[in-house]
Amino acid sequence: MRNSISAMVVVTVISSALVGGTDTASAASVELSTYTCAQFLSDVANQNTVSKLIRSTMMISWAAGYAAAHQKNDIRADMAALKIISGVLGNVCRKSPSELAPRAFSIAIDNFAKRE
């Protein structure tokens, strides 16, 4: 729990600096635990604000880390892997727009791992 609180503090400080404010509304824009697939798809399609770009990029980065943690051989988190993860995340989210994005992705990775 302490690590997740520390990570949230770091994310809050970074997002506040990037978004250009210190208010909690700006920082809350990067919360992934309540981030739905519909929000992800909207943010990716309309990256016209810094908060949308940060939020979608953070989701892709989290998903790449989650997938890398489930790899059996060499761990990949290079640019090609991020592109693949972005595509998988987009496909998963189109199928279940009301689902939480982290949950939808983790289910997809778990199902894929079971098939291997």
Protein backbone atom coordinates (compact mmCIF):
# COMPACT_ATOMS: atom_id res chain seq x y z
CA MET A 1 0.00 0.00 0.00
CA ARG A 2 2.81 2.39 0.84
CA ASN A 3 4.40 1.93 -2.59
CA SER A 4 1.13 2.66 -4.36
CA ILE A 5 0.68 5.83 -2.28
CA SER A 6 4.24 6.91 -3.08
CA ALA A 7 3.67 6.21 -6.76
CA MET A 8 0.44 8.22 -6.70
CA VAL A 9 2.24 11.17 -5.09
CA VAL A 10 4.89 11.07 -7.83
CA VAL A 11 2.24 10.81 -10.55
CA THR A 12 0.31 13.69 -8.98
CA VAL A 13 3.36 15.93 -8.87
CA ILE A 14 4.41 15.08 -12.44
CA SER A 15 0.90 15.49 -13.84
CA SER A 16 0.42 18.78 -12.02
CA ALA A 17 3.64 20.10 -13.51
CA LEU A 18 2.75 18.91 -17.02
CA VAL A 19 -0.86 20.03 -16.91
CA GLY A 20 0.26 23.37 -15.57
CA GLY A 21 -1.39 23.47 -12.18
CA THR A 22 -1.29 22.14 -8.70
CA ASP A 23 -4.99 21.67 -8.13
CA THR A 24 -6.35 18.19 -7.51
CA ALA A 25 -8.59 18.33 -10.57
CA SER A 26 -5.53 18.38 -12.82
CA ALA A 27 -3.87 15.60 -10.88
CA ALA A 28 -7.01 13.47 -10.82
CA SER A 29 -6.97 13.38 -14.61
CA VAL A 30 -4.28 10.67 -14.50
CA GLU A 31 -6.13 8.25 -12.20
CA LEU A 32 -6.19 4.88 -13.98
CA SER A 33 -8.18 2.83 -11.46
CA THR A 34 -11.43 4.40 -12.67
CA TYR A 35 -10.37 4.86 -16.33
CA THR A 36 -12.85 3.17 -18.66
CA CYS A 37 -12.23 1.79 -22.10
CA ALA A 38 -14.54 4.44 -23.56
CA GLN A 39 -12.43 7.16 -21.95
CA PHE A 40 -9.25 5.57 -23.30
CA LEU A 41 -10.64 5.39 -26.83
CA SER A 42 -11.84 8.99 -26.61
CA ASP A 43 -8.49 10.21 -25.27
CA VAL A 44 -6.55 8.40 -28.00
CA ALA A 45 -8.84 9.79 -30.71
CA ASN A 46 -8.80 13.35 -29.34
CA GLN A 47 -5.40 14.09 -27.85
CA ASN A 48 -6.07 17.81 -27.91
CA THR A 49 -5.24 18.37 -24.25
CA VAL A 50 -2.20 17.46 -22.21
CA SER A 51 -4.30 15.55 -19.67
CA LYS A 52 -5.74 13.26 -22.38
CA LEU A 53 -2.29 12.60 -23.80
CA ILE A 54 -0.85 11.87 -20.35
CA ARG A 55 -3.73 9.62 -19.35
CA SER A 56 -3.69 7.53 -22.54
CA THR A 57 0.11 7.28 -22.52
CA MET A 58 0.08 6.20 -18.88
CA MET A 59 -2.49 3.51 -19.67
CA ILE A 60 -0.38 2.20 -22.56
CA SER A 61 2.73 2.24 -20.36
CA TRP A 62 0.93 0.41 -17.55
CA ALA A 63 -0.38 -2.18 -20.01
CA ALA A 64 3.11 -2.72 -21.45
CA GLY A 65 4.48 -3.28 -17.96
CA TYR A 66 1.65 -5.68 -17.13
CA ALA A 67 2.27 -7.67 -20.30
CA ALA A 68 6.04 -7.69 -19.74
CA ALA A 69 5.53 -9.09 -16.24
CA HIS A 70 3.71 -12.06 -17.79
CA GLN A 71 6.35 -12.83 -20.41
CA LYS A 72 8.15 -16.15 -20.13
CA ASN A 73 11.37 -15.23 -21.94
CA ASP A 74 13.07 -11.91 -22.57
CA ILE A 75 11.04 -8.95 -21.36
CA ARG A 76 10.18 -6.42 -24.06
CA ALA A 77 9.15 -2.86 -23.47
CA ASP A 78 10.64 -1.21 -26.54
CA MET A 79 8.83 1.06 -28.98
CA ALA A 80 7.59 -1.87 -31.09
CA ALA A 81 6.13 -3.51 -27.98
CA LEU A 82 4.37 -0.27 -27.03
CA LYS A 83 2.81 -0.09 -30.50
CA ILE A 84 1.59 -3.68 -30.24
CA ILE A 85 0.19 -3.06 -26.75
CA SER A 86 -1.57 0.08 -27.98
CA GLY A 87 -3.28 -1.94 -30.71
CA VAL A 88 -4.28 -4.73 -28.35
CA LEU A 89 -5.60 -2.24 -25.82
CA GLY A 90 -7.60 -0.47 -28.52
CA ASN A 91 -9.13 -3.73 -29.73
CA VAL A 92 -9.98 -4.88 -26.21
CA CYS A 93 -11.56 -1.52 -25.39
CA ARG A 94 -13.67 -1.43 -28.58
CA LYS A 95 -15.21 -4.74 -27.53
CA SER A 96 -15.98 -3.58 -23.96
CA PRO A 97 -16.21 0.23 -23.82
CA SER A 98 -17.88 0.32 -20.40
CA GLU A 99 -15.22 -1.91 -18.79
CA LEU A 100 -12.38 -0.42 -16.76
CA ALA A 101 -9.40 -0.26 -19.13
CA PRO A 102 -6.87 -1.90 -16.76
CA ARG A 103 -9.30 -4.74 -16.02
CA ALA A 104 -10.17 -5.32 -19.69
CA PHE A 105 -6.50 -5.47 -20.63
CA SER A 106 -5.50 -7.73 -17.75
CA ILE A 107 -8.30 -10.17 -18.64
CA ALA A 108 -7.11 -10.22 -22.27
CA ILE A 109 -3.50 -10.89 -21.24
CA ASP A 110 -4.55 -13.59 -18.75
CA ASN A 111 -6.66 -15.30 -21.44
CA PHE A 112 -3.79 -15.11 -23.90
CA ALA A 113 -1.37 -16.57 -21.33
CA LYS A 114 -3.73 -19.50 -20.70
CA ARG A 115 -3.69 -20.36 -24.43
CA GLU A 116 0.10 -20.53 -24.59
